[in-house]
Full PDB file with SEQRES, HELIX, SHEET, SSBOND, CRYST1, ORIGX, SCALE, CONECT and MASTER records, all heavy atoms in Angstrom:
SEQRES   1 A   41  VAL THR PHE GLN ALA PHE VAL ASN ILE SER ALA ILE ILE          
SEQRES   2 A   41  ALA ILE ILE PRO LEU THR GLY ILE PRO LEU PRO PHE ILE          
SEQRES   3 A   41  SER TYR GLY GLY THR SER PHE VAL PHE LEU MET VAL GLY          
SEQRES   4 A   41  MET GLY                                                      
HELIX    1 AA1 THR A    2  ILE A   12  1                                  11    
HELIX    2 AA2 GLY A   30  MET A   40  1                                  11    
CRYST1    1.000    1.000    1.000  90.00  90.00  90.00 P 1           1          
ORIGX1      1.000000  0.000000  0.000000        0.00000                         
ORIGX2      0.000000  1.000000  0.000000        0.00000                         
ORIGX3      0.000000  0.000000  1.000000        0.00000                         
SCALE1      1.000000  0.000000  0.000000        0.00000                         
SCALE2      0.000000  1.000000  0.000000        0.00000                         
SCALE3      0.000000  0.000000  1.000000        0.00000                         
ATOM      1  N   VAL A   1     124.824  66.622  -3.435  1.00  0.00           N  
ATOM      2  CA  VAL A   1     125.946  67.372  -4.014  1.00  0.00           C  
ATOM      3  C   VAL A   1     127.284  66.732  -3.627  1.00  0.00           C  
ATOM      4  O   VAL A   1     128.174  66.545  -4.470  1.00  0.00           O  
ATOM      5  CB  VAL A   1     125.903  68.842  -3.556  1.00  0.00           C  
ATOM      6  CG1 VAL A   1     127.134  69.598  -4.054  1.00  0.00           C  
ATOM      7  CG2 VAL A   1     124.627  69.518  -4.047  1.00  0.00           C  
ATOM      8  N   THR A   2     127.416  66.358  -2.363  1.00  0.00           N  
ATOM      9  CA  THR A   2     128.688  65.817  -1.866  1.00  0.00           C  
ATOM     10  C   THR A   2     128.992  64.456  -2.476  1.00  0.00           C  
ATOM     11  O   THR A   2     130.106  64.221  -2.968  1.00  0.00           O  
ATOM     12  CB  THR A   2     128.652  65.709  -0.334  1.00  0.00           C  
ATOM     13  OG1 THR A   2     128.257  66.966   0.223  1.00  0.00           O  
ATOM     14  CG2 THR A   2     130.019  65.340   0.206  1.00  0.00           C  
ATOM     15  N   PHE A   3     128.019  63.544  -2.454  1.00  0.00           N  
ATOM     16  CA  PHE A   3     128.240  62.219  -3.041  1.00  0.00           C  
ATOM     17  C   PHE A   3     128.555  62.317  -4.522  1.00  0.00           C  
ATOM     18  O   PHE A   3     129.484  61.681  -5.017  1.00  0.00           O  
ATOM     19  CB  PHE A   3     127.010  61.321  -2.839  1.00  0.00           C  
ATOM     20  CG  PHE A   3     126.860  60.771  -1.458  1.00  0.00           C  
ATOM     21  CD1 PHE A   3     125.597  60.603  -0.893  1.00  0.00           C  
ATOM     22  CD2 PHE A   3     127.963  60.406  -0.708  1.00  0.00           C  
ATOM     23  CE1 PHE A   3     125.446  60.099   0.385  1.00  0.00           C  
ATOM     24  CE2 PHE A   3     127.830  59.901   0.571  1.00  0.00           C  
ATOM     25  CZ  PHE A   3     126.565  59.742   1.118  1.00  0.00           C  
ATOM     26  N   GLN A   4     127.783  63.141  -5.237  1.00  0.00           N  
ATOM     27  CA  GLN A   4     127.999  63.242  -6.680  1.00  0.00           C  
ATOM     28  C   GLN A   4     129.381  63.811  -6.986  1.00  0.00           C  
ATOM     29  O   GLN A   4     130.064  63.341  -7.905  1.00  0.00           O  
ATOM     30  CB  GLN A   4     126.911  64.113  -7.315  1.00  0.00           C  
ATOM     31  CG  GLN A   4     126.983  64.124  -8.831  1.00  0.00           C  
ATOM     32  CD  GLN A   4     125.718  64.664  -9.466  1.00  0.00           C  
ATOM     33  OE1 GLN A   4     124.617  64.317  -9.054  1.00  0.00           O  
ATOM     34  NE2 GLN A   4     125.867  65.502 -10.476  1.00  0.00           N  
ATOM     35  N   ALA A   5     129.799  64.805  -6.219  1.00  0.00           N  
ATOM     36  CA  ALA A   5     131.122  65.391  -6.431  1.00  0.00           C  
ATOM     37  C   ALA A   5     132.227  64.378  -6.205  1.00  0.00           C  
ATOM     38  O   ALA A   5     133.140  64.229  -7.031  1.00  0.00           O  
ATOM     39  CB  ALA A   5     131.315  66.597  -5.505  1.00  0.00           C  
ATOM     40  N   PHE A   6     132.143  63.649  -5.103  1.00  0.00           N  
ATOM     41  CA  PHE A   6     133.235  62.735  -4.786  1.00  0.00           C  
ATOM     42  C   PHE A   6     133.189  61.447  -5.594  1.00  0.00           C  
ATOM     43  O   PHE A   6     134.231  60.829  -5.821  1.00  0.00           O  
ATOM     44  CB  PHE A   6     133.279  62.474  -3.278  1.00  0.00           C  
ATOM     45  CG  PHE A   6     133.847  63.642  -2.528  1.00  0.00           C  
ATOM     46  CD1 PHE A   6     133.021  64.582  -1.931  1.00  0.00           C  
ATOM     47  CD2 PHE A   6     135.228  63.843  -2.466  1.00  0.00           C  
ATOM     48  CE1 PHE A   6     133.545  65.682  -1.278  1.00  0.00           C  
ATOM     49  CE2 PHE A   6     135.751  64.944  -1.822  1.00  0.00           C  
ATOM     50  CZ  PHE A   6     134.924  65.867  -1.213  1.00  0.00           C  
ATOM     51  N   VAL A   7     132.005  61.060  -6.096  1.00  0.00           N  
ATOM     52  CA  VAL A   7     131.940  59.941  -7.035  1.00  0.00           C  
ATOM     53  C   VAL A   7     132.612  60.340  -8.345  1.00  0.00           C  
ATOM     54  O   VAL A   7     133.412  59.589  -8.913  1.00  0.00           O  
ATOM     55  CB  VAL A   7     130.479  59.493  -7.271  1.00  0.00           C  
ATOM     56  CG1 VAL A   7     130.366  58.580  -8.488  1.00  0.00           C  
ATOM     57  CG2 VAL A   7     129.952  58.761  -6.041  1.00  0.00           C  
ATOM     58  N   ASN A   8     132.291  61.544  -8.840  1.00  0.00           N  
ATOM     59  CA  ASN A   8     132.910  62.022 -10.078  1.00  0.00           C  
ATOM     60  C   ASN A   8     134.423  62.129  -9.945  1.00  0.00           C  
ATOM     61  O   ASN A   8     135.178  61.620 -10.791  1.00  0.00           O  
ATOM     62  CB  ASN A   8     132.316  63.387 -10.448  1.00  0.00           C  
ATOM     63  CG  ASN A   8     132.994  64.013 -11.665  1.00  0.00           C  
ATOM     64  OD1 ASN A   8     134.069  64.582 -11.561  1.00  0.00           O  
ATOM     65  ND2 ASN A   8     132.352  63.898 -12.812  1.00  0.00           N  
ATOM     66  N   ILE A   9     134.890  62.775  -8.875  1.00  0.00           N  
ATOM     67  CA  ILE A   9     136.332  62.971  -8.675  1.00  0.00           C  
ATOM     68  C   ILE A   9     137.045  61.634  -8.478  1.00  0.00           C  
ATOM     69  O   ILE A   9     138.105  61.383  -9.064  1.00  0.00           O  
ATOM     70  CB  ILE A   9     136.581  63.915  -7.477  1.00  0.00           C  
ATOM     71  CG1 ILE A   9     136.097  65.334  -7.816  1.00  0.00           C  
ATOM     72  CG2 ILE A   9     138.060  63.934  -7.093  1.00  0.00           C  
ATOM     73  CD1 ILE A   9     136.035  66.272  -6.630  1.00  0.00           C  
ATOM     74  N   SER A  10     136.457  60.756  -7.673  1.00  0.00           N  
ATOM     75  CA  SER A  10     137.071  59.449  -7.417  1.00  0.00           C  
ATOM     76  C   SER A  10     137.180  58.626  -8.690  1.00  0.00           C  
ATOM     77  O   SER A  10     138.171  57.918  -8.903  1.00  0.00           O  
ATOM     78  CB  SER A  10     136.251  58.681  -6.369  1.00  0.00           C  
ATOM     79  OG  SER A  10     136.222  59.376  -5.142  1.00  0.00           O  
ATOM     80  N   ALA A  11     136.171  58.717  -9.560  1.00  0.00           N  
ATOM     81  CA  ALA A  11     136.200  57.970 -10.818  1.00  0.00           C  
ATOM     82  C   ALA A  11     137.303  58.489 -11.737  1.00  0.00           C  
ATOM     83  O   ALA A  11     138.023  57.707 -12.370  1.00  0.00           O  
ATOM     84  CB  ALA A  11     134.848  58.054 -11.512  1.00  0.00           C  
ATOM     85  N   ILE A  12     137.456  59.811 -11.796  1.00  0.00           N  
ATOM     86  CA  ILE A  12     138.450  60.404 -12.704  1.00  0.00           C  
ATOM     87  C   ILE A  12     139.880  60.125 -12.248  1.00  0.00           C  
ATOM     88  O   ILE A  12     140.800  60.042 -13.071  1.00  0.00           O  
ATOM     89  CB  ILE A  12     138.192  61.929 -12.836  1.00  0.00           C  
ATOM     90  CG1 ILE A  12     136.908  62.179 -13.630  1.00  0.00           C  
ATOM     91  CG2 ILE A  12     139.362  62.642 -13.481  1.00  0.00           C  
ATOM     92  CD1 ILE A  12     136.933  61.649 -15.063  1.00  0.00           C  
ATOM     93  N   ILE A  13     140.095  59.961 -10.942  1.00  0.00           N  
ATOM     94  CA  ILE A  13     141.448  59.641 -10.466  1.00  0.00           C  
ATOM     95  C   ILE A  13     141.609  58.144 -10.184  1.00  0.00           C  
ATOM     96  O   ILE A  13     142.554  57.723  -9.536  1.00  0.00           O  
ATOM     97  CB  ILE A  13     141.832  60.482  -9.230  1.00  0.00           C  
ATOM     98  CG1 ILE A  13     140.891  60.228  -8.059  1.00  0.00           C  
ATOM     99  CG2 ILE A  13     141.881  61.959  -9.589  1.00  0.00           C  
ATOM    100  CD1 ILE A  13     141.266  60.993  -6.792  1.00  0.00           C  
ATOM    101  N   ALA A  14     140.638  57.336 -10.683  1.00  0.00           N  
ATOM    102  CA  ALA A  14     140.714  55.868 -10.672  1.00  0.00           C  
ATOM    103  C   ALA A  14     140.664  55.247  -9.283  1.00  0.00           C  
ATOM    104  O   ALA A  14     141.214  54.174  -9.058  1.00  0.00           O  
ATOM    105  CB  ALA A  14     141.961  55.385 -11.415  1.00  0.00           C  
ATOM    106  N   ILE A  15     139.971  55.912  -8.338  1.00  0.00           N  
ATOM    107  CA  ILE A  15     139.751  55.310  -7.019  1.00  0.00           C  
ATOM    108  C   ILE A  15     138.561  54.354  -7.068  1.00  0.00           C  
ATOM    109  O   ILE A  15     138.523  53.363  -6.341  1.00  0.00           O  
ATOM    110  CB  ILE A  15     139.534  56.403  -5.956  1.00  0.00           C  
ATOM    111  CG1 ILE A  15     140.834  57.175  -5.736  1.00  0.00           C  
ATOM    112  CG2 ILE A  15     139.045  55.829  -4.637  1.00  0.00           C  
ATOM    113  CD1 ILE A  15     140.711  58.321  -4.753  1.00  0.00           C  
ATOM    114  N   ILE A  16     137.580  54.682  -7.925  1.00  0.00           N  
ATOM    115  CA  ILE A  16     136.426  53.804  -8.147  1.00  0.00           C  
ATOM    116  C   ILE A  16     136.253  53.638  -9.661  1.00  0.00           C  
ATOM    117  O   ILE A  16     136.833  54.407 -10.437  1.00  0.00           O  
ATOM    118  CB  ILE A  16     135.131  54.379  -7.515  1.00  0.00           C  
ATOM    119  CG1 ILE A  16     134.751  55.706  -8.185  1.00  0.00           C  
ATOM    120  CG2 ILE A  16     135.284  54.540  -6.013  1.00  0.00           C  
ATOM    121  CD1 ILE A  16     133.407  56.245  -7.762  1.00  0.00           C  
ATOM    122  N   PRO A  17     135.457  52.644 -10.111  1.00  0.00           N  
ATOM    123  CA  PRO A  17     135.231  52.489 -11.558  1.00  0.00           C  
ATOM    124  C   PRO A  17     134.617  53.745 -12.171  1.00  0.00           C  
ATOM    125  O   PRO A  17     133.864  54.477 -11.518  1.00  0.00           O  
ATOM    126  CB  PRO A  17     134.260  51.299 -11.637  1.00  0.00           C  
ATOM    127  CG  PRO A  17     134.509  50.529 -10.381  1.00  0.00           C  
ATOM    128  CD  PRO A  17     134.831  51.547  -9.340  1.00  0.00           C  
ATOM    129  N   LEU A  18     134.938  53.987 -13.441  1.00  0.00           N  
ATOM    130  CA  LEU A  18     134.486  55.174 -14.146  1.00  0.00           C  
ATOM    131  C   LEU A  18     132.963  55.222 -14.230  1.00  0.00           C  
ATOM    132  O   LEU A  18     132.315  54.220 -14.533  1.00  0.00           O  
ATOM    133  CB  LEU A  18     135.080  55.195 -15.557  1.00  0.00           C  
ATOM    134  CG  LEU A  18     135.007  56.515 -16.326  1.00  0.00           C  
ATOM    135  CD1 LEU A  18     135.822  57.588 -15.620  1.00  0.00           C  
ATOM    136  CD2 LEU A  18     135.505  56.318 -17.750  1.00  0.00           C  
ATOM    137  N   THR A  19     132.387  56.379 -13.930  1.00  0.00           N  
ATOM    138  CA  THR A  19     130.943  56.579 -14.040  1.00  0.00           C  
ATOM    139  C   THR A  19     130.679  57.802 -14.904  1.00  0.00           C  
ATOM    140  O   THR A  19     131.568  58.644 -15.092  1.00  0.00           O  
ATOM    141  CB  THR A  19     130.295  56.802 -12.656  1.00  0.00           C  
ATOM    142  OG1 THR A  19     130.889  57.957 -12.052  1.00  0.00           O  
ATOM    143  CG2 THR A  19     130.484  55.598 -11.765  1.00  0.00           C  
ATOM    144  N   GLY A  20     129.464  57.931 -15.375  1.00  0.00           N  
ATOM    145  CA  GLY A  20     129.135  59.037 -16.274  1.00  0.00           C  
ATOM    146  C   GLY A  20     128.289  60.100 -15.624  1.00  0.00           C  
ATOM    147  O   GLY A  20     127.253  60.485 -16.166  1.00  0.00           O  
ATOM    148  N   ILE A  21     128.690  60.587 -14.448  1.00  0.00           N  
ATOM    149  CA  ILE A  21     127.901  61.640 -13.798  1.00  0.00           C  
ATOM    150  C   ILE A  21     128.719  62.933 -13.743  1.00  0.00           C  
ATOM    151  O   ILE A  21     129.947  62.908 -13.621  1.00  0.00           O  
ATOM    152  CB  ILE A  21     127.445  61.233 -12.379  1.00  0.00           C  
ATOM    153  CG1 ILE A  21     128.622  60.942 -11.462  1.00  0.00           C  
ATOM    154  CG2 ILE A  21     126.516  60.041 -12.440  1.00  0.00           C  
ATOM    155  CD1 ILE A  21     128.209  60.709 -10.019  1.00  0.00           C  
ATOM    156  N   PRO A  22     128.049  64.084 -13.845  1.00  0.00           N  
ATOM    157  CA  PRO A  22     128.772  65.364 -13.884  1.00  0.00           C  
ATOM    158  C   PRO A  22     129.274  65.800 -12.519  1.00  0.00           C  
ATOM    159  O   PRO A  22     128.788  65.342 -11.486  1.00  0.00           O  
ATOM    160  CB  PRO A  22     127.707  66.340 -14.413  1.00  0.00           C  
ATOM    161  CG  PRO A  22     126.400  65.742 -13.988  1.00  0.00           C  
ATOM    162  CD  PRO A  22     126.593  64.255 -14.034  1.00  0.00           C  
ATOM    163  N   LEU A  23     130.228  66.713 -12.538  1.00  0.00           N  
ATOM    164  CA  LEU A  23     130.738  67.333 -11.319  1.00  0.00           C  
ATOM    165  C   LEU A  23     129.838  68.518 -10.987  1.00  0.00           C  
ATOM    166  O   LEU A  23     129.722  69.453 -11.784  1.00  0.00           O  
ATOM    167  CB  LEU A  23     132.186  67.791 -11.522  1.00  0.00           C  
ATOM    168  CG  LEU A  23     132.931  68.349 -10.318  1.00  0.00           C  
ATOM    169  CD1 LEU A  23     133.024  67.316  -9.195  1.00  0.00           C  
ATOM    170  CD2 LEU A  23     134.332  68.809 -10.727  1.00  0.00           C  
ATOM    171  N   PRO A  24     129.162  68.503  -9.835  1.00  0.00           N  
ATOM    172  CA  PRO A  24     128.183  69.559  -9.520  1.00  0.00           C  
ATOM    173  C   PRO A  24     128.756  70.967  -9.625  1.00  0.00           C  
ATOM    174  O   PRO A  24     129.873  71.229  -9.172  1.00  0.00           O  
ATOM    175  CB  PRO A  24     127.788  69.247  -8.068  1.00  0.00           C  
ATOM    176  CG  PRO A  24     128.040  67.790  -7.902  1.00  0.00           C  
ATOM    177  CD  PRO A  24     129.250  67.496  -8.745  1.00  0.00           C  
ATOM    178  N   PHE A  25     127.998  71.861 -10.259  1.00  0.00           N  
ATOM    179  CA  PHE A  25     128.319  73.277 -10.440  1.00  0.00           C  
ATOM    180  C   PHE A  25     129.475  73.533 -11.408  1.00  0.00           C  
ATOM    181  O   PHE A  25     129.716  74.666 -11.796  1.00  0.00           O  
ATOM    182  CB  PHE A  25     128.655  73.968  -9.107  1.00  0.00           C  
ATOM    183  CG  PHE A  25     127.630  73.780  -8.041  1.00  0.00           C  
ATOM    184  CD1 PHE A  25     127.916  73.051  -6.893  1.00  0.00           C  
ATOM    185  CD2 PHE A  25     126.356  74.312  -8.166  1.00  0.00           C  
ATOM    186  CE1 PHE A  25     126.963  72.872  -5.902  1.00  0.00           C  
ATOM    187  CE2 PHE A  25     125.397  74.137  -7.183  1.00  0.00           C  
ATOM    188  CZ  PHE A  25     125.699  73.417  -6.050  1.00  0.00           C  
ATOM    189  N   ILE A  26     130.220  72.493 -11.788  1.00  0.00           N  
ATOM    190  CA  ILE A  26     131.420  72.682 -12.606  1.00  0.00           C  
ATOM    191  C   ILE A  26     131.221  72.152 -14.023  1.00  0.00           C  
ATOM    192  O   ILE A  26     131.517  72.843 -14.996  1.00  0.00           O  
ATOM    193  CB  ILE A  26     132.653  71.980 -11.963  1.00  0.00           C  
ATOM    194  CG1 ILE A  26     132.795  72.353 -10.483  1.00  0.00           C  
ATOM    195  CG2 ILE A  26     133.919  72.310 -12.735  1.00  0.00           C  
ATOM    196  CD1 ILE A  26     133.109  73.792 -10.218  1.00  0.00           C  
ATOM    197  N   SER A  27     130.715  70.928 -14.149  1.00  0.00           N  
ATOM    198  CA  SER A  27     130.513  70.331 -15.467  1.00  0.00           C  
ATOM    199  C   SER A  27     129.462  71.097 -16.265  1.00  0.00           C  
ATOM    200  O   SER A  27     128.503  71.635 -15.710  1.00  0.00           O  
ATOM    201  CB  SER A  27     130.062  68.875 -15.341  1.00  0.00           C  
ATOM    202  OG  SER A  27     131.080  68.059 -14.837  1.00  0.00           O  
ATOM    203  N   TYR A  28     129.631  71.086 -17.585  1.00  0.00           N  
ATOM    204  CA  TYR A  28     128.637  71.680 -18.485  1.00  0.00           C  
ATOM    205  C   TYR A  28     127.361  70.844 -18.453  1.00  0.00           C  
ATOM    206  O   TYR A  28     127.426  69.621 -18.448  1.00  0.00           O  
ATOM    207  CB  TYR A  28     129.204  71.718 -19.909  1.00  0.00           C  
ATOM    208  CG  TYR A  28     128.229  72.193 -20.957  1.00  0.00           C  
ATOM    209  CD1 TYR A  28     128.031  73.553 -21.176  1.00  0.00           C  
ATOM    210  CD2 TYR A  28     127.523  71.277 -21.730  1.00  0.00           C  
ATOM    211  CE1 TYR A  28     127.151  74.000 -22.136  1.00  0.00           C  
ATOM    212  CE2 TYR A  28     126.635  71.709 -22.696  1.00  0.00           C  
ATOM    213  CZ  TYR A  28     126.451  73.069 -22.894  1.00  0.00           C  
ATOM    214  OH  TYR A  28     125.570  73.489 -23.843  1.00  0.00           O  
ATOM    215  N   GLY A  29     126.222  71.504 -18.456  1.00  0.00           N  
ATOM    216  CA  GLY A  29     124.949  70.776 -18.486  1.00  0.00           C  
ATOM    217  C   GLY A  29     123.842  71.602 -17.862  1.00  0.00           C  
ATOM    218  O   GLY A  29     123.851  71.860 -16.648  1.00  0.00           O  
ATOM    219  N   GLY A  30     122.884  72.026 -18.680  1.00  0.00           N  
ATOM    220  CA  GLY A  30     121.841  72.921 -18.207  1.00  0.00           C  
ATOM    221  C   GLY A  30     120.875  72.287 -17.229  1.00  0.00           C  
ATOM    222  O   GLY A  30     120.515  72.883 -16.218  1.00  0.00           O  
ATOM    223  N   THR A  31     120.429  71.036 -17.527  1.00  0.00           N  
ATOM    224  CA  THR A  31     119.460  70.383 -16.646  1.00  0.00           C  
ATOM    225  C   THR A  31     120.033  70.182 -15.252  1.00  0.00           C  
ATOM    226  O   THR A  31     119.381  70.440 -14.245  1.00  0.00           O  
ATOM    227  CB  THR A  31     119.037  69.016 -17.233  1.00  0.00           C  
ATOM    228  OG1 THR A  31     118.686  69.167 -18.597  1.00  0.00           O  
ATOM    229  CG2 THR A  31     117.848  68.454 -16.477  1.00  0.00           C  
ATOM    230  N   SER A  32     121.270  69.699 -15.210  1.00  0.00           N  
ATOM    231  CA  SER A  32     121.930  69.466 -13.927  1.00  0.00           C  
ATOM    232  C   SER A  32     122.025  70.761 -13.130  1.00  0.00           C  
ATOM    233  O   SER A  32     121.701  70.804 -11.939  1.00  0.00           O  
ATOM    234  CB  SER A  32     123.333  68.883 -14.165  1.00  0.00           C  
ATOM    235  OG  SER A  32     124.054  68.800 -12.954  1.00  0.00           O  
ATOM    236  N   PHE A  33     122.421  71.835 -13.806  1.00  0.00           N  
ATOM    237  CA  PHE A  33     122.626  73.106 -13.111  1.00  0.00           C  
ATOM    238  C   PHE A  33     121.311  73.672 -12.589  1.00  0.00           C  
ATOM    239  O   PHE A  33     121.240  74.201 -11.468  1.00  0.00           O  
ATOM    240  CB  PHE A  33     123.310  74.111 -14.048  1.00  0.00           C  
ATOM    241  CG  PHE A  33     123.853  75.316 -13.339  1.00  0.00           C  
ATOM    242  CD1 PHE A  33     125.018  75.215 -12.584  1.00  0.00           C  
ATOM    243  CD2 PHE A  33     123.210  76.533 -13.397  1.00  0.00           C  
ATOM    244  CE1 PHE A  33     125.524  76.324 -11.914  1.00  0.00           C  
ATOM    245  CE2 PHE A  33     123.711  77.643 -12.735  1.00  0.00           C  
ATOM    246  CZ  PHE A  33     124.869  77.542 -11.995  1.00  0.00           C  
ATOM    247  N   VAL A  34     120.244  73.566 -13.390  1.00  0.00           N  
ATOM    248  CA  VAL A  34     118.936  74.095 -12.980  1.00  0.00           C  
ATOM    249  C   VAL A  34     118.459  73.422 -11.690  1.00  0.00           C  
ATOM    250  O   VAL A  34     118.049  74.096 -10.736  1.00  0.00           O  
ATOM    251  CB  VAL A  34     117.896  73.899 -14.107  1.00  0.00           C  
ATOM    252  CG1 VAL A  34     116.469  74.089 -13.559  1.00  0.00           C  
ATOM    253  CG2 VAL A  34     118.148  74.874 -15.236  1.00  0.00           C  
ATOM    254  N   PHE A  35     118.541  72.085 -11.643  1.00  0.00           N  
ATOM    255  CA  PHE A  35     118.018  71.388 -10.462  1.00  0.00           C  
ATOM    256  C   PHE A  35     118.957  71.502  -9.269  1.00  0.00           C  
ATOM    257  O   PHE A  35     118.506  71.455  -8.117  1.00  0.00           O  
ATOM    258  CB  PHE A  35     117.686  69.941 -10.812  1.00  0.00           C  
ATOM    259  CG  PHE A  35     116.435  69.825 -11.627  1.00  0.00           C  
ATOM    260  CD1 PHE A  35     116.481  69.487 -12.967  1.00  0.00           C  
ATOM    261  CD2 PHE A  35     115.201  70.126 -11.065  1.00  0.00           C  
ATOM    262  CE1 PHE A  35     115.325  69.420 -13.733  1.00  0.00           C  
ATOM    263  CE2 PHE A  35     114.034  70.070 -11.823  1.00  0.00           C  
ATOM    264  CZ  PHE A  35     114.093  69.718 -13.168  1.00  0.00           C  
ATOM    265  N   LEU A  36     120.260  71.685  -9.510  1.00  0.00           N  
ATOM    266  CA  LEU A  36     121.163  72.000  -8.408  1.00  0.00           C  
ATOM    267  C   LEU A  36     120.796  73.345  -7.792  1.00  0.00           C  
ATOM    268  O   LEU A  36     120.822  73.508  -6.570  1.00  0.00           O  
ATOM    269  CB  LEU A  36     122.613  72.025  -8.896  1.00  0.00           C  
ATOM    270  CG  LEU A  36     123.302  70.676  -9.072  1.00  0.00           C  
ATOM    271  CD1 LEU A  36     124.585  70.840  -9.866  1.00  0.00           C  
ATOM    272  CD2 LEU A  36     123.591  70.026  -7.728  1.00  0.00           C  
ATOM    273  N   MET A  37     120.427  74.309  -8.632  1.00  0.00           N  
ATOM    274  CA  MET A  37     120.017  75.618  -8.124  1.00  0.00           C  
ATOM    275  C   MET A  37     118.707  75.534  -7.349  1.00  0.00           C  
ATOM    276  O   MET A  37     118.510  76.238  -6.354  1.00  0.00           O  
ATOM    277  CB  MET A  37     119.882  76.617  -9.273  1.00  0.00           C  
ATOM    278  CG  MET A  37     121.182  77.023  -9.929  1.00  0.00           C  
ATOM    279  SD  MET A  37     122.246  77.999  -8.803  1.00  0.00           S  
ATOM    280  CE  MET A  37     123.364  76.731  -8.235  1.00  0.00           C  
ATOM    281  N   VAL A  38     117.787  74.660  -7.790  1.00  0.00           N  
ATOM    282  CA  VAL A  38     116.556  74.424  -7.028  1.00  0.00           C  
ATOM    283  C   VAL A  38     116.919  73.908  -5.632  1.00  0.00           C  
ATOM    284  O   VAL A  38     116.403  74.381  -4.611  1.00  0.00           O  
ATOM    285  CB  VAL A  38     115.643  73.415  -7.755  1.00  0.00           C  
ATOM    286  CG1 VAL A  38     114.471  73.011  -6.858  1.00  0.00           C  
ATOM    287  CG2 VAL A  38     115.110  73.999  -9.054  1.00  0.00           C  
ATOM    288  N   GLY A  39     117.829  72.921  -5.596  1.00  0.00           N  
ATOM    289  CA  GLY A  39     118.275  72.365  -4.316  1.00  0.00           C  
ATOM    290  C   GLY A  39     118.910  73.418  -3.427  1.00  0.00           C  
ATOM    291  O   GLY A  39     118.656  73.469  -2.211  1.00  0.00           O  
ATOM    292  N   MET A  40     119.752  74.295  -4.031  1.00  0.00           N  
ATOM    293  CA  MET A  40     120.409  75.335  -3.236  1.00  0.00           C  
ATOM    294  C   MET A  40     119.394  76.353  -2.708  1.00  0.00           C  
ATOM    295  O   MET A  40     119.526  76.847  -1.583  1.00  0.00           O  
ATOM    296  CB  MET A  40     121.473  76.058  -4.078  1.00  0.00           C  
ATOM    297  CG  MET A  40     122.664  75.194  -4.467  1.00  0.00           C  
ATOM    298  SD  MET A  40     123.439  74.369  -3.063  1.00  0.00           S  
ATOM    299  CE  MET A  40     122.686  72.747  -3.156  1.00  0.00           C  
ATOM    300  N   GLY A  41     118.375  76.651  -3.510  1.00  0.00           N  
ATOM    301  CA  GLY A  41     117.334  77.569  -3.043  1.00  0.00           C  
ATOM    302  C   GLY A  41     116.600  77.020  -1.833  1.00  0.00           C  
ATOM    303  O   GLY A  41     116.340  77.745  -0.863  1.00  0.00           O  
TER     304      GLY A  41                                                      
MASTER        0    0    0    2    0    0    0    6  303    1    0    4          
END                                                                             
C-alpha cells in the first residue's frame, strides 16, 4: 500500500517518471479495491 501510494503520488508531481498504477483506496477500480480489502482483512 505504501509503495504504491508514493509511486503514484511521486509520478503525478514529477518526482519520478510517470507510471500507470492507481492510488490505493482512492483511485477508481474494482479489482484493485477488492484485493486491497483482502490485504486489509
